[in-house]
Amino acid sequence: MIQLLQAMFSSMAETWHGSKWVVRSPIKAQDEKSITSAPSVKADDPYADDIHRLEDALNEGRPLDNGRCIEITLQDLLQIIPRKRRRIDAYRGLVGRLNKMGVTLTINSQKSRKL
C-alpha cells in the first residue's frame, strides 16, 4: 500500500514541478568568467563602492592607474560619494585605501587654504 502511494505522489510531483533543470553548467560559465577578469578592488573591501564611483565619474569606468593624482574639491566629492559628515576627515579611510593602491587623492575645501 505504501509503495502504491509513493508511486502516485512521485508521478504527481513530476507533473507539478515539471522537468528538472541542470544548473551546474551555467554556474561553471560564470565562475570561469570571474576568474579571467581581475577586478581592481576586492568585493569585501569597505571602500569598493566608493572607488567604483570615483572610477565612473573621473576615469570613465576604467580602473585608477598606479601613480595617479586626483585633486578635487570637497563639494564635488560629496556629489560623487555622499557622506553624512560633510568634512574632509570623513574621507580619511578612502584616502588611505587609495594610497595603498598608489593613487593620491587631494581634497580641497573652502576652509583649507593652499600656500
N, C-alpha and C. Protein backbone atom coordinates (compact mmCIF):
# COMPACT_ATOMS: atom_id res chain seq x y z
N MET A 1 0.81 -1.19 0.00
CA MET A 1 0.00 0.00 0.00
C MET A 1 0.87 1.26 0.00
N ILE A 2 1.93 1.25 0.80
CA ILE A 2 2.81 2.41 0.89
C ILE A 2 3.51 2.64 -0.44
N GLN A 3 3.90 1.56 -1.10
CA GLN A 3 4.57 1.69 -2.39
C GLN A 3 3.64 2.29 -3.43
N LEU A 4 2.37 1.94 -3.35
CA LEU A 4 1.38 2.49 -4.27
C LEU A 4 1.24 3.99 -4.06
N LEU A 5 1.16 4.44 -2.81
CA LEU A 5 1.04 5.87 -2.51
C LEU A 5 2.30 6.62 -2.96
N GLN A 6 3.48 6.05 -2.72
CA GLN A 6 4.71 6.69 -3.15
C GLN A 6 4.76 6.83 -4.67
N ALA A 7 4.33 5.82 -5.37
CA ALA A 7 4.33 5.86 -6.83
C ALA A 7 3.36 6.93 -7.33
N MET A 8 2.19 7.04 -6.68
CA MET A 8 1.19 8.04 -7.11
C MET A 8 1.71 9.46 -6.85
N PHE A 9 2.27 9.67 -5.68
CA PHE A 9 2.71 11.01 -5.34
C PHE A 9 3.97 11.42 -6.10
N SER A 10 4.84 10.48 -6.41
CA SER A 10 6.03 10.83 -7.18
C SER A 10 5.65 11.23 -8.60
N SER A 11 4.65 10.56 -9.18
CA SER A 11 4.22 10.94 -10.53
C SER A 11 3.51 12.29 -10.50
N MET A 12 2.76 12.60 -9.43
CA MET A 12 2.11 13.90 -9.31
C MET A 12 3.13 15.01 -9.10
N ALA A 13 4.16 14.73 -8.35
CA ALA A 13 5.17 15.74 -8.09
C ALA A 13 5.90 16.11 -9.38
N GLU A 14 6.13 15.14 -10.25
CA GLU A 14 6.79 15.43 -11.52
C GLU A 14 5.93 16.32 -12.39
N THR A 15 4.64 16.13 -12.38
CA THR A 15 3.77 16.97 -13.21
C THR A 15 3.64 18.37 -12.62
N TRP A 16 3.67 18.49 -11.30
CA TRP A 16 3.57 19.81 -10.67
C TRP A 16 4.86 20.61 -10.85
N HIS A 17 5.96 19.96 -10.61
CA HIS A 17 7.24 20.66 -10.64
C HIS A 17 7.86 20.72 -12.03
N GLY A 18 7.37 19.93 -12.94
CA GLY A 18 7.94 19.92 -14.28
C GLY A 18 9.25 19.16 -14.30
N SER A 19 9.94 19.28 -15.41
CA SER A 19 11.21 18.56 -15.53
C SER A 19 12.28 19.25 -14.70
N LYS A 20 13.28 18.48 -14.32
CA LYS A 20 14.36 19.02 -13.51
C LYS A 20 15.36 19.73 -14.41
N TRP A 21 15.90 20.84 -13.92
CA TRP A 21 16.87 21.62 -14.68
C TRP A 21 18.28 21.28 -14.24
N VAL A 22 19.16 21.33 -15.16
CA VAL A 22 20.56 21.16 -14.85
C VAL A 22 21.15 22.56 -14.73
N VAL A 23 21.54 22.93 -13.52
CA VAL A 23 22.02 24.29 -13.29
C VAL A 23 23.54 24.36 -13.14
N ARG A 24 24.21 23.26 -13.20
CA ARG A 24 25.66 23.28 -12.99
C ARG A 24 26.41 23.91 -14.15
N SER A 25 25.96 23.73 -15.37
CA SER A 25 26.70 24.29 -16.50
C SER A 25 26.67 25.82 -16.53
N PRO A 26 25.54 26.51 -16.28
CA PRO A 26 25.60 27.97 -16.25
C PRO A 26 26.46 28.51 -15.10
N ILE A 27 26.47 27.83 -13.99
CA ILE A 27 27.27 28.29 -12.86
C ILE A 27 28.75 28.18 -13.18
N LYS A 28 29.16 27.11 -13.87
CA LYS A 28 30.55 26.96 -14.25
C LYS A 28 30.99 28.09 -15.17
N ALA A 29 30.14 28.46 -16.12
CA ALA A 29 30.49 29.52 -17.06
C ALA A 29 30.68 30.84 -16.33
N GLN A 30 29.85 31.12 -15.34
CA GLN A 30 30.00 32.35 -14.58
C GLN A 30 31.28 32.33 -13.76
N ASP A 31 31.63 31.18 -13.18
CA ASP A 31 32.85 31.08 -12.40
C ASP A 31 34.07 31.29 -13.27
N GLU A 32 34.07 30.74 -14.49
CA GLU A 32 35.21 30.91 -15.38
C GLU A 32 35.36 32.37 -15.77
N LYS A 33 34.25 33.07 -15.98
CA LYS A 33 34.31 34.49 -16.33
C LYS A 33 34.93 35.29 -15.21
N SER A 34 34.52 35.01 -13.98
CA SER A 34 35.02 35.80 -12.85
C SER A 34 36.50 35.55 -12.62
N ILE A 35 37.00 34.37 -12.98
CA ILE A 35 38.41 34.07 -12.78
C ILE A 35 39.26 34.83 -13.81
N THR A 36 38.78 34.93 -15.06
CA THR A 36 39.59 35.56 -16.10
C THR A 36 39.66 37.06 -15.93
N SER A 37 38.59 37.71 -15.46
CA SER A 37 38.63 39.16 -15.29
C SER A 37 39.07 39.50 -13.88
N ALA A 38 40.18 40.18 -13.75
CA ALA A 38 40.73 40.52 -12.44
C ALA A 38 40.22 41.89 -12.02
N PRO A 39 39.40 41.97 -10.97
CA PRO A 39 38.91 43.28 -10.55
C PRO A 39 40.01 44.09 -9.87
N SER A 40 39.91 45.42 -9.97
CA SER A 40 40.92 46.27 -9.36
C SER A 40 40.72 46.40 -7.86
N VAL A 41 39.49 46.17 -7.39
CA VAL A 41 39.16 46.31 -5.98
C VAL A 41 38.46 45.04 -5.54
N LYS A 42 38.82 44.53 -4.37
CA LYS A 42 38.20 43.31 -3.84
C LYS A 42 36.77 43.61 -3.41
N ALA A 43 35.90 42.62 -3.50
CA ALA A 43 34.49 42.79 -3.16
C ALA A 43 34.29 43.00 -1.66
N ASP A 44 35.16 42.44 -0.83
CA ASP A 44 34.99 42.57 0.62
C ASP A 44 35.58 43.87 1.15
N ASP A 45 36.14 44.70 0.28
CA ASP A 45 36.72 45.98 0.67
C ASP A 45 35.58 46.96 0.99
N PRO A 46 35.60 47.61 2.18
CA PRO A 46 34.52 48.54 2.52
C PRO A 46 34.49 49.78 1.63
N TYR A 47 35.58 50.08 0.94
CA TYR A 47 35.64 51.26 0.07
C TYR A 47 35.47 50.90 -1.40
N ALA A 48 35.09 49.66 -1.70
CA ALA A 48 34.96 49.22 -3.09
C ALA A 48 33.93 50.04 -3.85
N ASP A 49 32.79 50.30 -3.23
CA ASP A 49 31.75 51.08 -3.90
C ASP A 49 32.20 52.51 -4.14
N ASP A 50 32.88 53.10 -3.17
CA ASP A 50 33.39 54.46 -3.33
C ASP A 50 34.41 54.54 -4.46
N ILE A 51 35.28 53.55 -4.54
CA ILE A 51 36.30 53.55 -5.58
C ILE A 51 35.66 53.37 -6.95
N HIS A 52 34.65 52.51 -7.04
CA HIS A 52 33.95 52.33 -8.31
C HIS A 52 33.26 53.62 -8.74
N ARG A 53 32.68 54.35 -7.79
CA ARG A 53 32.05 55.63 -8.13
C ARG A 53 33.07 56.64 -8.63
N LEU A 54 34.24 56.67 -8.00
CA LEU A 54 35.31 57.56 -8.47
C LEU A 54 35.76 57.17 -9.88
N GLU A 55 35.91 55.87 -10.12
CA GLU A 55 36.31 55.42 -11.45
C GLU A 55 35.29 55.82 -12.50
N ASP A 56 34.01 55.67 -12.17
CA ASP A 56 32.96 56.04 -13.13
C ASP A 56 32.94 57.54 -13.40
N ALA A 57 33.09 58.33 -12.35
CA ALA A 57 32.98 59.78 -12.50
C ALA A 57 34.22 60.42 -13.11
N LEU A 58 35.40 59.95 -12.73
CA LEU A 58 36.63 60.63 -13.13
C LEU A 58 37.42 59.91 -14.21
N ASN A 59 37.22 58.62 -14.37
CA ASN A 59 38.06 57.84 -15.28
C ASN A 59 37.24 57.04 -16.28
N GLU A 60 36.01 57.44 -16.50
CA GLU A 60 35.11 56.80 -17.47
C GLU A 60 34.95 55.30 -17.24
N GLY A 61 34.94 54.88 -15.98
CA GLY A 61 34.72 53.48 -15.64
C GLY A 61 35.95 52.62 -15.65
N ARG A 62 37.08 53.13 -16.13
CA ARG A 62 38.31 52.34 -16.14
C ARG A 62 38.95 52.36 -14.76
N PRO A 63 39.72 51.34 -14.41
CA PRO A 63 40.39 51.33 -13.10
C PRO A 63 41.39 52.47 -12.97
N LEU A 64 41.56 52.94 -11.76
CA LEU A 64 42.51 54.02 -11.50
C LEU A 64 43.93 53.47 -11.60
N ASP A 65 44.79 54.19 -12.30
CA ASP A 65 46.16 53.75 -12.52
C ASP A 65 47.04 54.03 -11.31
N ASN A 66 48.07 53.23 -11.16
CA ASN A 66 49.06 53.44 -10.11
C ASN A 66 49.82 54.73 -10.42
N GLY A 67 49.99 55.60 -9.43
CA GLY A 67 50.68 56.86 -9.62
C GLY A 67 49.77 58.01 -10.01
N ARG A 68 48.49 57.77 -10.09
CA ARG A 68 47.53 58.82 -10.48
C ARG A 68 47.33 59.79 -9.32
N CYS A 69 47.26 61.09 -9.62
CA CYS A 69 46.98 62.12 -8.63
C CYS A 69 45.63 62.76 -8.95
N ILE A 70 44.75 62.76 -7.98
CA ILE A 70 43.42 63.33 -8.15
C ILE A 70 43.29 64.50 -7.18
N GLU A 71 43.03 65.67 -7.71
CA GLU A 71 42.79 66.85 -6.89
C GLU A 71 41.35 67.27 -7.13
N ILE A 72 40.55 67.31 -6.06
CA ILE A 72 39.12 67.55 -6.19
C ILE A 72 38.64 68.39 -5.02
N THR A 73 37.58 69.15 -5.25
CA THR A 73 37.01 69.95 -4.16
C THR A 73 36.08 69.07 -3.34
N LEU A 74 35.88 69.47 -2.11
CA LEU A 74 35.00 68.71 -1.22
C LEU A 74 33.57 68.68 -1.75
N GLN A 75 33.12 69.79 -2.33
CA GLN A 75 31.76 69.86 -2.85
C GLN A 75 31.56 68.86 -4.01
N ASP A 76 32.54 68.75 -4.88
CA ASP A 76 32.44 67.79 -5.99
C ASP A 76 32.48 66.36 -5.49
N LEU A 77 33.34 66.11 -4.52
CA LEU A 77 33.46 64.75 -3.97
C LEU A 77 32.18 64.34 -3.23
N LEU A 78 31.55 65.30 -2.56
CA LEU A 78 30.29 65.00 -1.87
C LEU A 78 29.18 64.64 -2.86
N GLN A 79 29.23 65.16 -4.07
CA GLN A 79 28.24 64.79 -5.08
C GLN A 79 28.50 63.40 -5.63
N ILE A 80 29.77 63.04 -5.75
CA ILE A 80 30.11 61.71 -6.27
C ILE A 80 29.92 60.65 -5.19
N ILE A 81 30.47 60.91 -4.01
CA ILE A 81 30.41 59.96 -2.89
C ILE A 81 29.85 60.71 -1.67
N PRO A 82 28.54 60.70 -1.48
CA PRO A 82 27.96 61.44 -0.35
C PRO A 82 28.32 60.84 1.00
N ARG A 83 28.47 61.71 1.98
CA ARG A 83 28.74 61.31 3.36
C ARG A 83 27.81 62.09 4.28
N LYS A 84 27.51 61.52 5.45
CA LYS A 84 26.70 62.23 6.44
C LYS A 84 27.48 63.41 7.01
N ARG A 85 28.74 63.18 7.31
CA ARG A 85 29.59 64.25 7.82
C ARG A 85 30.25 64.92 6.63
N ARG A 86 29.92 66.16 6.40
CA ARG A 86 30.37 66.89 5.22
C ARG A 86 31.71 67.59 5.48
N ARG A 87 32.71 66.81 5.84
CA ARG A 87 34.05 67.33 6.14
C ARG A 87 35.09 66.45 5.44
N ILE A 88 36.28 66.99 5.29
CA ILE A 88 37.36 66.25 4.64
C ILE A 88 37.70 64.98 5.41
N ASP A 89 37.65 65.04 6.75
CA ASP A 89 38.05 63.88 7.54
C ASP A 89 37.09 62.70 7.38
N ALA A 90 35.93 62.89 6.79
CA ALA A 90 35.01 61.78 6.53
C ALA A 90 35.56 60.87 5.44
N TYR A 91 36.51 61.37 4.66
CA TYR A 91 37.10 60.59 3.56
C TYR A 91 38.50 60.08 3.91
N ARG A 92 38.89 60.14 5.17
CA ARG A 92 40.23 59.73 5.58
C ARG A 92 40.51 58.26 5.24
N GLY A 93 39.56 57.39 5.47
CA GLY A 93 39.75 55.97 5.16
C GLY A 93 39.88 55.72 3.67
N LEU A 94 39.08 56.42 2.87
CA LEU A 94 39.16 56.28 1.42
C LEU A 94 40.52 56.77 0.90
N VAL A 95 41.00 57.88 1.43
CA VAL A 95 42.31 58.40 1.03
C VAL A 95 43.40 57.38 1.36
N GLY A 96 43.33 56.77 2.53
CA GLY A 96 44.31 55.76 2.92
C GLY A 96 44.25 54.53 2.02
N ARG A 97 43.05 54.10 1.68
CA ARG A 97 42.89 52.92 0.80
C ARG A 97 43.43 53.21 -0.59
N LEU A 98 43.18 54.43 -1.09
CA LEU A 98 43.70 54.79 -2.41
C LEU A 98 45.22 54.91 -2.39
N ASN A 99 45.78 55.37 -1.28
CA ASN A 99 47.24 55.45 -1.16
C ASN A 99 47.87 54.06 -1.27
N LYS A 100 47.20 53.05 -0.70
CA LYS A 100 47.71 51.67 -0.81
C LYS A 100 47.69 51.19 -2.25
N MET A 101 46.73 51.72 -3.05
CA MET A 101 46.64 51.37 -4.46
C MET A 101 47.62 52.18 -5.31
N GLY A 102 48.26 53.20 -4.70
CA GLY A 102 49.19 54.04 -5.45
C GLY A 102 48.54 55.26 -6.06
N VAL A 103 47.34 55.61 -5.61
CA VAL A 103 46.61 56.77 -6.12
C VAL A 103 46.57 57.83 -5.02
N THR A 104 46.91 59.07 -5.38
CA THR A 104 46.90 60.17 -4.42
C THR A 104 45.62 60.97 -4.61
N LEU A 105 44.83 61.08 -3.53
CA LEU A 105 43.59 61.86 -3.56
C LEU A 105 43.79 63.07 -2.66
N THR A 106 43.70 64.28 -3.27
CA THR A 106 43.82 65.53 -2.53
C THR A 106 42.47 66.21 -2.55
N ILE A 107 41.93 66.49 -1.36
CA ILE A 107 40.61 67.11 -1.25
C ILE A 107 40.81 68.54 -0.75
N ASN A 108 40.27 69.50 -1.49
CA ASN A 108 40.35 70.91 -1.10
C ASN A 108 38.96 71.37 -0.69
N SER A 109 38.90 72.13 0.39
CA SER A 109 37.62 72.70 0.81
C SER A 109 37.78 74.21 0.93
N GLN A 110 36.69 74.90 1.17
CA GLN A 110 36.73 76.35 1.32
C GLN A 110 37.48 76.74 2.59
N LYS A 111 37.48 75.86 3.57
CA LYS A 111 38.15 76.16 4.84
C LYS A 111 39.65 75.90 4.79
N SER A 112 40.07 75.01 3.91
CA SER A 112 41.51 74.73 3.80
C SER A 112 42.10 75.67 2.75
N ARG A 113 43.26 76.22 3.04
CA ARG A 113 43.92 77.16 2.14
C ARG A 113 45.20 76.55 1.59
N LYS A 114 45.45 76.85 0.35
CA LYS A 114 46.72 76.42 -0.24
C LYS A 114 47.74 77.53 -0.04
N LEU A 115 48.94 77.14 0.31
CA LEU A 115 50.00 78.13 0.48
C LEU A 115 50.99 78.06 -0.64
